[in-house]
């Protein structure tokens, strides 16, 4: 089983429209509402593929009730920790040409006792999890040290740790030595202070190798249209997808991580990039990416680390 922990989940509304007219009234051709947040998205991708998973998340208010209803309707196994503040709502605008605009709410602060209950739930659930995935932003006003404390609860239960975070939370997670980090190129650049353009592979490998040496684990670096990079143990591999016209890029990084974690069979890097690419071809974040993914179309090569 793969446990995902989403500390700042969301109710995501997506509107499909023609060209976005800034400053004018835009009429959507269709709209959807989904239970989301980065860890929840990872669990959706795994669940649709038949991989056992459980999503742990704090929920509150009528928005939290809507998230519960959507999770129940989709059959996604989850455990909700009740909190006093309402769950945030995010909005995604998807233009017919494929451009995506997101408006993400920051959410609201959680109380200390609510974090304590989350830690207790992590310690209980992680004992049955091969991986515990901490994914997404922290709630506002959260101490970055919150993440290492919660990671420690999962590690004490015997679970391996994967982290997809950014900013101060990502920096704090590095010090806690996770088994897997999943930054994108911009997050890796911010973490290391190095320039990491998506299309400059050697720069990305050099930055990732430095972080991997600090954590003792591996890095799965999303490079957008240039695929993804795996760096661990002095070895680097690069996977590139076939060219596509994206429908919606929201959730692609989450599908990438889910694909890596999904199974010990086959090449996890090829599967990860195939799932991430498939997510770009679907209109929302809860679709069956595994059914659309084509690992055989992904090219994987070994790349020497910069000397």
C-alpha atoms as a PDB file:
ATOM      1  CA  UNK A   1       0.000   0.000   0.000  1.00  0.00           C
ATOM      2  CA  UNK A   2       1.112   3.562  -0.712  1.00  0.00           C
ATOM      3  CA  UNK A   3       0.041   6.189   1.821  1.00  0.00           C
ATOM      4  CA  UNK A   4      -0.214   9.779   0.628  1.00  0.00           C
ATOM      5  CA  UNK A   5      -0.305  12.737   3.006  1.00  0.00           C
ATOM      6  CA  UNK A   6      -1.795  15.984   1.716  1.00  0.00           C
ATOM      7  CA  UNK A   7      -1.562  18.680   4.378  1.00  0.00           C
ATOM      8  CA  UNK A   8      -3.264  21.371   2.273  1.00  0.00           C
ATOM      9  CA  UNK A   9      -5.904  19.573   0.159  1.00  0.00           C
ATOM     10  CA  UNK A  10      -8.341  21.354  -2.102  1.00  0.00           C
ATOM     11  CA  UNK A  11     -11.643  21.297  -3.872  1.00  0.00           C
ATOM     12  CA  UNK A  12     -10.608  21.900  -7.476  1.00  0.00           C
ATOM     13  CA  UNK A  13     -12.924  23.501 -10.012  1.00  0.00           C
ATOM     14  CA  UNK A  14     -11.868  23.321 -13.667  1.00  0.00           C
ATOM     15  CA  UNK A  15     -13.446  25.396 -16.424  1.00  0.00           C
ATOM     16  CA  UNK A  16     -12.964  24.525 -20.106  1.00  0.00           C
ATOM     17  CA  UNK A  17     -13.168  27.565 -22.356  1.00  0.00           C
ATOM     18  CA  UNK A  18     -11.927  29.140 -25.580  1.00  0.00           C
ATOM     19  CA  UNK A  19      -9.141  31.741 -25.548  1.00  0.00           C
ATOM     20  CA  UNK A  20      -8.934  33.366 -22.109  1.00  0.00           C
ATOM     21  CA  UNK A  21     -10.046  36.988 -22.347  1.00  0.00           C
ATOM     22  CA  UNK A  22      -8.354  38.814 -19.482  1.00  0.00           C
ATOM     23  CA  UNK A  23     -10.511  41.561 -17.990  1.00  0.00           C
ATOM     24  CA  UNK A  24     -13.655  40.334 -19.751  1.00  0.00           C
ATOM     25  CA  UNK A  25     -16.483  37.886 -19.052  1.00  0.00           C
ATOM     26  CA  UNK A  26     -15.472  34.351 -20.064  1.00  0.00           C
ATOM     27  CA  UNK A  27     -18.098  31.658 -20.543  1.00  0.00           C
ATOM     28  CA  UNK A  28     -17.036  28.078 -19.943  1.00  0.00           C
ATOM     29  CA  UNK A  29     -18.084  25.336 -22.302  1.00  0.00           C
ATOM     30  CA  UNK A  30     -17.922  22.795 -19.478  1.00  0.00           C
ATOM     31  CA  UNK A  31     -16.795  22.556 -15.881  1.00  0.00           C
ATOM     32  CA  UNK A  32     -15.788  19.868 -13.418  1.00  0.00           C
ATOM     33  CA  UNK A  33     -15.179  19.641  -9.686  1.00  0.00           C
ATOM     34  CA  UNK A  34     -12.665  17.244  -8.138  1.00  0.00           C
ATOM     35  CA  UNK A  35     -11.179  16.299  -4.784  1.00  0.00           C
ATOM     36  CA  UNK A  36      -7.563  17.314  -5.171  1.00  0.00           C
ATOM     37  CA  UNK A  37      -4.270  18.367  -3.662  1.00  0.00           C
ATOM     38  CA  UNK A  38      -0.980  16.876  -4.812  1.00  0.00           C
ATOM     39  CA  UNK A  39      -1.010  13.815  -2.583  1.00  0.00           C
ATOM     40  CA  UNK A  40      -4.659  13.150  -3.370  1.00  0.00           C
ATOM     41  CA  UNK A  41      -3.788  13.323  -7.082  1.00  0.00           C
ATOM     42  CA  UNK A  42      -1.063  10.715  -6.551  1.00  0.00           C
ATOM     43  CA  UNK A  43      -3.574   8.449  -4.824  1.00  0.00           C
ATOM     44  CA  UNK A  44      -6.141   8.933  -7.613  1.00  0.00           C
ATOM     45  CA  UNK A  45      -3.587   7.851 -10.238  1.00  0.00           C
ATOM     46  CA  UNK A  46      -2.577   4.806  -8.199  1.00  0.00           C
ATOM     47  CA  UNK A  47      -6.161   3.850  -7.379  1.00  0.00           C
ATOM     48  CA  UNK A  48      -7.287   4.025 -11.012  1.00  0.00           C
ATOM     49  CA  UNK A  49      -4.388   1.713 -11.893  1.00  0.00           C
ATOM     50  CA  UNK A  50      -5.374  -0.815  -9.241  1.00  0.00           C
ATOM     51  CA  UNK A  51      -2.457  -0.022  -6.921  1.00  0.00           C
ATOM     52  CA  UNK A  52      -3.464  -0.120  -3.222  1.00  0.00           C
ATOM     53  CA  UNK A  53      -3.349   3.358  -1.712  1.00  0.00           C
ATOM     54  CA  UNK A  54      -4.798   5.454   1.088  1.00  0.00           C
ATOM     55  CA  UNK A  55      -5.021   9.250   1.111  1.00  0.00           C
ATOM     56  CA  UNK A  56      -4.657  10.988   4.479  1.00  0.00           C
ATOM     57  CA  UNK A  57      -5.800  14.594   4.610  1.00  0.00           C
ATOM     58  CA  UNK A  58      -7.297  17.241   6.936  1.00  0.00           C
ATOM     59  CA  UNK A  59     -10.803  18.339   5.938  1.00  0.00           C
ATOM     60  CA  UNK A  60     -13.125  21.034   7.259  1.00  0.00           C
ATOM     61  CA  UNK A  61     -16.186  23.100   6.406  1.00  0.00           C
ATOM     62  CA  UNK A  62     -18.705  22.533   3.627  1.00  0.00           C
ATOM     63  CA  UNK A  63     -15.823  22.385   1.139  1.00  0.00           C
ATOM     64  CA  UNK A  64     -14.349  19.527   3.143  1.00  0.00           C
ATOM     65  CA  UNK A  65     -17.727  17.783   3.047  1.00  0.00           C
ATOM     66  CA  UNK A  66     -17.698  18.106  -0.744  1.00  0.00           C
ATOM     67  CA  UNK A  67     -14.220  16.598  -0.891  1.00  0.00           C
ATOM     68  CA  UNK A  68     -15.416  13.664   1.229  1.00  0.00           C
ATOM     69  CA  UNK A  69     -18.397  13.120  -1.062  1.00  0.00           C
ATOM     70  CA  UNK A  70     -16.182  13.135  -4.152  1.00  0.00           C
ATOM     71  CA  UNK A  71     -13.712  10.697  -2.601  1.00  0.00           C
ATOM     72  CA  UNK A  72     -16.570   8.413  -1.591  1.00  0.00           C
ATOM     73  CA  UNK A  73     -18.113   8.591  -5.062  1.00  0.00           C
ATOM     74  CA  UNK A  74     -14.791   7.678  -6.680  1.00  0.00           C
ATOM     75  CA  UNK A  75     -14.124   4.839  -4.257  1.00  0.00           C
ATOM     76  CA  UNK A  76     -10.746   6.223  -3.213  1.00  0.00           C
ATOM     77  CA  UNK A  77      -9.636   4.849   0.182  1.00  0.00           C
ATOM     78  CA  UNK A  78      -8.920   7.748   2.519  1.00  0.00           C
ATOM     79  CA  UNK A  79      -8.811   8.889   6.114  1.00  0.00           C
ATOM     80  CA  UNK A  80      -9.829  12.436   6.961  1.00  0.00           C
ATOM     81  CA  UNK A  81      -8.662  14.279  10.066  1.00  0.00           C
ATOM     82  CA  UNK A  82     -11.387  16.815  10.971  1.00  0.00           C
ATOM     83  CA  UNK A  83     -10.138  20.397  11.301  1.00  0.00           C
ATOM     84  CA  UNK A  84     -11.838  23.648  12.293  1.00  0.00           C
ATOM     85  CA  UNK A  85     -11.053  25.627   9.117  1.00  0.00           C
ATOM     86  CA  UNK A  86     -12.697  25.121   5.711  1.00  0.00           C
ATOM     87  CA  UNK A  87     -10.811  23.269   2.996  1.00  0.00           C
ATOM     88  CA  UNK A  88      -9.502  25.583   0.272  1.00  0.00           C
ATOM     89  CA  UNK A  89     -10.875  25.862  -3.277  1.00  0.00           C
ATOM     90  CA  UNK A  90      -8.640  26.115  -6.367  1.00  0.00           C
ATOM     91  CA  UNK A  91      -9.658  27.133  -9.883  1.00  0.00           C
ATOM     92  CA  UNK A  92      -8.137  25.918 -13.163  1.00  0.00           C
ATOM     93  CA  UNK A  93      -8.891  27.539 -16.521  1.00  0.00           C
ATOM     94  CA  UNK A  94      -8.140  25.286 -19.501  1.00  0.00           C
ATOM     95  CA  UNK A  95      -8.198  26.906 -22.929  1.00  0.00           C
ATOM     96  CA  UNK A  96      -9.075  24.933 -26.053  1.00  0.00           C
ATOM     97  CA  UNK A  97      -5.503  25.363 -27.337  1.00  0.00           C
ATOM     98  CA  UNK A  98      -4.179  23.609 -24.227  1.00  0.00           C
ATOM     99  CA  UNK A  99      -2.889  26.538 -22.157  1.00  0.00           C
ATOM    100  CA  UNK A 100      -3.684  26.140 -18.452  1.00  0.00           C
ATOM    101  CA  UNK A 101      -4.115  28.952 -15.913  1.00  0.00           C
ATOM    102  CA  UNK A 102      -4.379  28.047 -12.221  1.00  0.00           C
ATOM    103  CA  UNK A 103      -5.576  30.163  -9.309  1.00  0.00           C
ATOM    104  CA  UNK A 104      -4.657  28.421  -6.061  1.00  0.00           C
ATOM    105  CA  UNK A 105      -5.984  29.479  -2.674  1.00  0.00           C
ATOM    106  CA  UNK A 106      -3.361  29.499   0.093  1.00  0.00           C
ATOM    107  CA  UNK A 107      -5.678  27.666   2.470  1.00  0.00           C
ATOM    108  CA  UNK A 108      -5.921  28.419   6.186  1.00  0.00           C
ATOM    109  CA  UNK A 109      -3.662  27.683   9.168  1.00  0.00           C
ATOM    110  CA  UNK A 110      -4.132  24.488  11.145  1.00  0.00           C
ATOM    111  CA  UNK A 111      -3.981  24.343  14.929  1.00  0.00           C
ATOM    112  CA  UNK A 112      -1.242  22.542  16.835  1.00  0.00           C
ATOM    113  CA  UNK A 113      -3.601  19.845  18.046  1.00  0.00           C
ATOM    114  CA  UNK A 114      -4.662  19.145  14.473  1.00  0.00           C
ATOM    115  CA  UNK A 115      -1.054  18.491  13.461  1.00  0.00           C
ATOM    116  CA  UNK A 116      -0.754  16.174  16.462  1.00  0.00           C
ATOM    117  CA  UNK A 117      -3.755  14.159  15.247  1.00  0.00           C
ATOM    118  CA  UNK A 118      -2.268  14.003  11.752  1.00  0.00           C
ATOM    119  CA  UNK A 119       1.007  12.674  13.173  1.00  0.00           C
ATOM    120  CA  UNK A 120      -0.895  10.000  15.076  1.00  0.00           C
ATOM    121  CA  UNK A 121      -2.749   8.935  11.944  1.00  0.00           C
ATOM    122  CA  UNK A 122       0.505   8.810   9.965  1.00  0.00           C
ATOM    123  CA  UNK A 123       2.151   6.619  12.586  1.00  0.00           C
ATOM    124  CA  UNK A 124      -0.809   4.233  12.530  1.00  0.00           C
ATOM    125  CA  UNK A 125      -1.275   4.013   8.749  1.00  0.00           C
ATOM    126  CA  UNK A 126       2.376   4.067   7.664  1.00  0.00           C
ATOM    127  CA  UNK A 127       3.018   0.719   9.334  1.00  0.00           C
ATOM    128  CA  UNK A 128       1.181  -0.923   6.440  1.00  0.00           C
ATOM    129  CA  UNK A 129       2.681   1.286   3.731  1.00  0.00           C
ATOM    130  CA  UNK A 130       5.656   0.499   1.508  1.00  0.00           C
ATOM    131  CA  UNK A 131       5.889   4.243   0.832  1.00  0.00           C
ATOM    132  CA  UNK A 132       4.537   7.309   2.588  1.00  0.00           C
ATOM    133  CA  UNK A 133       4.310  10.264   0.209  1.00  0.00           C
ATOM    134  CA  UNK A 134       4.273  13.827   1.556  1.00  0.00           C
ATOM    135  CA  UNK A 135       3.118  15.973  -1.311  1.00  0.00           C
ATOM    136  CA  UNK A 136       2.082  19.584  -1.800  1.00  0.00           C
ATOM    137  CA  UNK A 137       2.250  22.831   0.111  1.00  0.00           C
ATOM    138  CA  UNK A 138       2.083  23.280   3.856  1.00  0.00           C
ATOM    139  CA  UNK A 139      -0.863  25.216   5.277  1.00  0.00           C
ATOM    140  CA  UNK A 140      -0.190  28.924   5.901  1.00  0.00           C
ATOM    141  CA  UNK A 141       1.893  29.778   8.975  1.00  0.00           C
ATOM    142  CA  UNK A 142       3.140  26.190   9.300  1.00  0.00           C
ATOM    143  CA  UNK A 143       6.669  25.816  10.627  1.00  0.00           C
ATOM    144  CA  UNK A 144       8.784  24.153   7.876  1.00  0.00           C
ATOM    145  CA  UNK A 145      10.004  21.777  10.605  1.00  0.00           C
ATOM    146  CA  UNK A 146       6.463  20.365  10.633  1.00  0.00           C
ATOM    147  CA  UNK A 147       7.288  18.236   7.615  1.00  0.00           C
ATOM    148  CA  UNK A 148      10.375  16.501   9.100  1.00  0.00           C
ATOM    149  CA  UNK A 149       8.393  15.792  12.279  1.00  0.00           C
ATOM    150  CA  UNK A 150       5.634  14.097  10.297  1.00  0.00           C
ATOM    151  CA  UNK A 151       8.209  12.261   8.181  1.00  0.00           C
ATOM    152  CA  UNK A 152       9.718  10.900  11.391  1.00  0.00           C
ATOM    153  CA  UNK A 153       6.349   9.414  12.372  1.00  0.00           C
ATOM    154  CA  UNK A 154       6.204   7.504   9.081  1.00  0.00           C
ATOM    155  CA  UNK A 155       9.809   6.368   9.281  1.00  0.00           C
ATOM    156  CA  UNK A 156       9.333   5.107  12.833  1.00  0.00           C
ATOM    157  CA  UNK A 157       6.522   2.923  11.480  1.00  0.00           C
ATOM    158  CA  UNK A 158       8.913   1.354   8.956  1.00  0.00           C
ATOM    159  CA  UNK A 159       7.787   3.126   5.782  1.00  0.00           C
ATOM    160  CA  UNK A 160      10.012   4.592   3.078  1.00  0.00           C
ATOM    161  CA  UNK A 161       9.541   8.327   2.537  1.00  0.00           C
ATOM    162  CA  UNK A 162       8.895  10.272  -0.671  1.00  0.00           C
ATOM    163  CA  UNK A 163       8.537  14.067  -0.689  1.00  0.00           C
ATOM    164  CA  UNK A 164       7.179  16.420  -3.347  1.00  0.00           C
ATOM    165  CA  UNK A 165       7.363  19.879  -1.788  1.00  0.00           C
ATOM    166  CA  UNK A 166       8.815  23.308  -2.494  1.00  0.00           C
ATOM    167  CA  UNK A 167      10.460  26.267  -0.801  1.00  0.00           C
ATOM    168  CA  UNK A 168      11.300  26.072   2.894  1.00  0.00           C
ATOM    169  CA  UNK A 169       9.403  22.793   3.295  1.00  0.00           C
ATOM    170  CA  UNK A 170      11.549  21.133   0.626  1.00  0.00           C
ATOM    171  CA  UNK A 171      14.737  22.450   2.226  1.00  0.00           C
ATOM    172  CA  UNK A 172      13.636  21.124   5.615  1.00  0.00           C
ATOM    173  CA  UNK A 173      12.763  17.750   4.098  1.00  0.00           C
ATOM    174  CA  UNK A 174      16.270  17.375   2.648  1.00  0.00           C
ATOM    175  CA  UNK A 175      17.703  17.482   6.151  1.00  0.00           C
ATOM    176  CA  UNK A 176      15.391  14.624   7.153  1.00  0.00           C
ATOM    177  CA  UNK A 177      16.941  12.432   4.408  1.00  0.00           C
ATOM    178  CA  UNK A 178      13.918  11.115   2.507  1.00  0.00           C
ATOM    179  CA  UNK A 179      14.328   8.070   0.282  1.00  0.00           C
ATOM    180  CA  UNK A 180      12.920   9.974  -2.692  1.00  0.00           C
ATOM    181  CA  UNK A 181      12.573  13.655  -3.573  1.00  0.00           C
ATOM    182  CA  UNK A 182      10.442  14.706  -6.553  1.00  0.00           C
ATOM    183  CA  UNK A 183      11.113  18.375  -7.394  1.00  0.00           C
ATOM    184  CA  UNK A 184      10.617  20.063 -10.730  1.00  0.00           C
ATOM    185  CA  UNK A 185      13.447  22.031 -12.337  1.00  0.00           C
ATOM    186  CA  UNK A 186      12.401  25.344 -10.775  1.00  0.00           C
ATOM    187  CA  UNK A 187      12.129  23.808  -7.287  1.00  0.00           C
ATOM    188  CA  UNK A 188      15.530  22.154  -7.682  1.00  0.00           C
ATOM    189  CA  UNK A 189      17.032  25.485  -8.718  1.00  0.00           C
ATOM    190  CA  UNK A 190      15.531  27.261  -5.709  1.00  0.00           C
ATOM    191  CA  UNK A 191      16.769  24.522  -3.389  1.00  0.00           C
ATOM    192  CA  UNK A 192      20.352  24.524  -4.650  1.00  0.00           C
ATOM    193  CA  UNK A 193      20.778  28.131  -5.754  1.00  0.00           C
ATOM    194  CA  UNK A 194      21.883  26.851  -9.159  1.00  0.00           C
ATOM    195  CA  UNK A 195      20.397  27.693 -12.547  1.00  0.00           C
ATOM    196  CA  UNK A 196      18.474  24.628 -13.757  1.00  0.00           C
ATOM    197  CA  UNK A 197      16.784  25.282 -17.119  1.00  0.00           C
ATOM    198  CA  UNK A 198      14.507  22.382 -18.095  1.00  0.00           C
ATOM    199  CA  UNK A 199      16.395  21.883 -21.369  1.00  0.00           C
ATOM    200  CA  UNK A 200      19.914  21.881 -19.873  1.00  0.00           C
ATOM    201  CA  UNK A 201      20.390  18.323 -18.709  1.00  0.00           C
ATOM    202  CA  UNK A 202      23.900  18.639 -17.306  1.00  0.00           C
ATOM    203  CA  UNK A 203      22.879  21.509 -15.025  1.00  0.00           C
ATOM    204  CA  UNK A 204      19.943  19.501 -13.700  1.00  0.00           C
ATOM    205  CA  UNK A 205      22.095  16.419 -13.138  1.00  0.00           C
ATOM    206  CA  UNK A 206      24.741  18.410 -11.282  1.00  0.00           C
ATOM    207  CA  UNK A 207      22.194  20.046  -8.997  1.00  0.00           C
ATOM    208  CA  UNK A 208      20.333  16.784  -8.361  1.00  0.00           C
ATOM    209  CA  UNK A 209      23.526  14.855  -7.649  1.00  0.00           C
ATOM    210  CA  UNK A 210      24.481  17.343  -4.955  1.00  0.00           C
ATOM    211  CA  UNK A 211      21.120  16.947  -3.235  1.00  0.00           C
ATOM    212  CA  UNK A 212      21.199  13.148  -3.559  1.00  0.00           C
ATOM    213  CA  UNK A 213      24.576  13.109  -1.826  1.00  0.00           C
ATOM    214  CA  UNK A 214      23.008  14.959   1.109  1.00  0.00           C
ATOM    215  CA  UNK A 215      19.932  12.738   1.429  1.00  0.00           C
ATOM    216  CA  UNK A 216      21.436   9.372   0.538  1.00  0.00           C
ATOM    217  CA  UNK A 217      18.319   8.758  -1.568  1.00  0.00           C
ATOM    218  CA  UNK A 218      17.192   9.440  -5.114  1.00  0.00           C
ATOM    219  CA  UNK A 219      15.783  12.418  -6.991  1.00  0.00           C
ATOM    220  CA  UNK A 220      13.045  12.225  -9.613  1.00  0.00           C
ATOM    221  CA  UNK A 221      13.247  15.605 -11.350  1.00  0.00           C
ATOM    222  CA  UNK A 222      10.410  16.697 -13.618  1.00  0.00           C
ATOM    223  CA  UNK A 223      11.669  18.557 -16.699  1.00  0.00           C
ATOM    224  CA  UNK A 224       8.336  19.382 -18.319  1.00  0.00           C
ATOM    225  CA  UNK A 225       8.248  18.577 -22.034  1.00  0.00           C
ATOM    226  CA  UNK A 226      11.836  17.283 -21.720  1.00  0.00           C
ATOM    227  CA  UNK A 227      10.672  14.381 -19.550  1.00  0.00           C
ATOM    228  CA  UNK A 228      12.292  13.516 -16.253  1.00  0.00           C
ATOM    229  CA  UNK A 229      15.618  12.724 -14.677  1.00  0.00           C
ATOM    230  CA  UNK A 230      16.489  10.080 -12.089  1.00  0.00           C
ATOM    231  CA  UNK A 231      19.652  10.629 -10.058  1.00  0.00           C
ATOM    232  CA  UNK A 232      20.782   8.275  -7.285  1.00  0.00           C
ATOM    233  CA  UNK A 233      23.927   6.537  -6.116  1.00  0.00           C
ATOM    234  CA  UNK A 234      26.200   8.292  -8.591  1.00  0.00           C
ATOM    235  CA  UNK A 235      24.035   7.294 -11.554  1.00  0.00           C
ATOM    236  CA  UNK A 236      21.801   9.472 -13.743  1.00  0.00           C
ATOM    237  CA  UNK A 237      19.117   8.419 -16.230  1.00  0.00           C
ATOM    238  CA  UNK A 238      17.018  10.634 -18.494  1.00  0.00           C
ATOM    239  CA  UNK A 239      13.614   9.748 -19.953  1.00  0.00           C
ATOM    240  CA  UNK A 240      11.949  11.702 -22.755  1.00  0.00           C
ATOM    241  CA  UNK A 241       8.338  11.338 -23.918  1.00  0.00           C
ATOM    242  CA  UNK A 242       7.064  11.553 -27.483  1.00  0.00           C
ATOM    243  CA  UNK A 243       5.806  14.988 -28.594  1.00  0.00           C
ATOM    244  CA  UNK A 244       2.212  15.693 -27.559  1.00  0.00           C
ATOM    245  CA  UNK A 245      -0.300  18.521 -27.596  1.00  0.00           C
ATOM    246  CA  UNK A 246      -1.302  18.855 -23.926  1.00  0.00           C
ATOM    247  CA  UNK A 247      -4.937  19.178 -22.946  1.00  0.00           C
ATOM    248  CA  UNK A 248      -4.262  20.040 -19.300  1.00  0.00           C
ATOM    249  CA  UNK A 249      -0.931  20.074 -17.470  1.00  0.00           C
ATOM    250  CA  UNK A 250      -2.445  20.150 -13.959  1.00  0.00           C
ATOM    251  CA  UNK A 251      -1.528  16.995 -12.068  1.00  0.00           C
ATOM    252  CA  UNK A 252       1.173  15.858 -14.505  1.00  0.00           C
ATOM    253  CA  UNK A 253       3.893  15.943 -11.851  1.00  0.00           C
ATOM    254  CA  UNK A 254       1.678  13.992  -9.459  1.00  0.00           C
ATOM    255  CA  UNK A 255       1.058  11.325 -12.112  1.00  0.00           C
ATOM    256  CA  UNK A 256       4.819  11.189 -12.742  1.00  0.00           C
ATOM    257  CA  UNK A 257       5.476  10.412  -9.079  1.00  0.00           C
ATOM    258  CA  UNK A 258       2.624   7.897  -8.950  1.00  0.00           C
ATOM    259  CA  UNK A 259       4.039   6.092 -11.970  1.00  0.00           C
ATOM    260  CA  UNK A 260       7.420   5.785 -10.293  1.00  0.00           C
ATOM    261  CA  UNK A 261       5.893   4.334  -7.128  1.00  0.00           C
ATOM    262  CA  UNK A 262       3.311   2.112  -8.819  1.00  0.00           C
ATOM    263  CA  UNK A 263       5.185  -1.169  -9.153  1.00  0.00           C
ATOM    264  CA  UNK A 264       8.527  -2.906  -8.935  1.00  0.00           C
ATOM    265  CA  UNK A 265       7.952  -4.389 -12.405  1.00  0.00           C
ATOM    266  CA  UNK A 266       9.453  -2.811 -15.523  1.00  0.00           C
ATOM    267  CA  UNK A 267      11.393   0.447 -15.718  1.00  0.00           C
ATOM    268  CA  UNK A 268       9.965   2.858 -13.130  1.00  0.00           C
ATOM    269  CA  UNK A 269      11.407   5.914 -14.890  1.00  0.00           C
ATOM    270  CA  UNK A 270       9.795   5.021 -18.227  1.00  0.00           C
ATOM    271  CA  UNK A 271       6.504   4.329 -16.474  1.00  0.00           C
ATOM    272  CA  UNK A 272       6.715   7.590 -14.530  1.00  0.00           C
ATOM    273  CA  UNK A 273       7.199   9.690 -17.659  1.00  0.00           C
ATOM    274  CA  UNK A 274       4.498   7.748 -19.495  1.00  0.00           C
ATOM    275  CA  UNK A 275       2.015   8.430 -16.686  1.00  0.00           C
ATOM    276  CA  UNK A 276       2.999  12.088 -16.482  1.00  0.00           C
ATOM    277  CA  UNK A 277       2.580  12.451 -20.234  1.00  0.00           C
ATOM    278  CA  UNK A 278      -0.781  10.681 -20.138  1.00  0.00           C
ATOM    279  CA  UNK A 279      -1.992  13.106 -17.468  1.00  0.00           C
ATOM    280  CA  UNK A 280      -1.427  15.956 -19.929  1.00  0.00           C
ATOM    281  CA  UNK A 281      -3.863  14.293 -22.335  1.00  0.00           C
ATOM    282  CA  UNK A 282      -6.735  14.128 -19.832  1.00  0.00           C
ATOM    283  CA  UNK A 283      -9.003  17.042 -18.876  1.00  0.00           C
ATOM    284  CA  UNK A 284      -8.838  16.628 -15.082  1.00  0.00           C
ATOM    285  CA  UNK A 285      -6.657  15.165 -12.338  1.00  0.00           C
ATOM    286  CA  UNK A 286      -8.635  12.026 -11.440  1.00  0.00           C
ATOM    287  CA  UNK A 287      -8.571  10.142 -14.753  1.00  0.00           C
ATOM    288  CA  UNK A 288      -7.026   6.733 -15.443  1.00  0.00           C
ATOM    289  CA  UNK A 289      -3.554   7.778 -16.578  1.00  0.00           C
ATOM    290  CA  UNK A 290      -2.291   4.189 -16.579  1.00  0.00           C
ATOM    291  CA  UNK A 291      -4.869   3.256 -19.222  1.00  0.00           C
ATOM    292  CA  UNK A 292      -3.633   6.035 -21.521  1.00  0.00           C
ATOM    293  CA  UNK A 293       0.092   5.724 -20.764  1.00  0.00           C
ATOM    294  CA  UNK A 294       2.525   4.132 -23.230  1.00  0.00           C
ATOM    295  CA  UNK A 295       5.843   3.297 -21.576  1.00  0.00           C
ATOM    296  CA  UNK A 296       7.172   1.841 -24.838  1.00  0.00           C
ATOM    297  CA  UNK A 297       7.024   5.313 -26.413  1.00  0.00           C
ATOM    298  CA  UNK A 298       9.362   6.749 -23.753  1.00  0.00           C
ATOM    299  CA  UNK A 299      13.104   6.842 -24.475  1.00  0.00           C
ATOM    300  CA  UNK A 300      15.397   6.229 -21.480  1.00  0.00           C
ATOM    301  CA  UNK A 301      19.170   6.721 -21.599  1.00  0.00           C
ATOM    302  CA  UNK A 302      21.987   6.655 -19.067  1.00  0.00           C
ATOM    303  CA  UNK A 303      23.695  10.031 -18.718  1.00  0.00           C
ATOM    304  CA  UNK A 304      27.135  10.569 -17.133  1.00  0.00           C
ATOM    305  CA  UNK A 305      27.149  12.859 -14.134  1.00  0.00           C
ATOM    306  CA  UNK A 306      29.168  16.054 -14.684  1.00  0.00           C
ATOM    307  CA  UNK A 307      32.759  15.417 -13.798  1.00  0.00           C
END
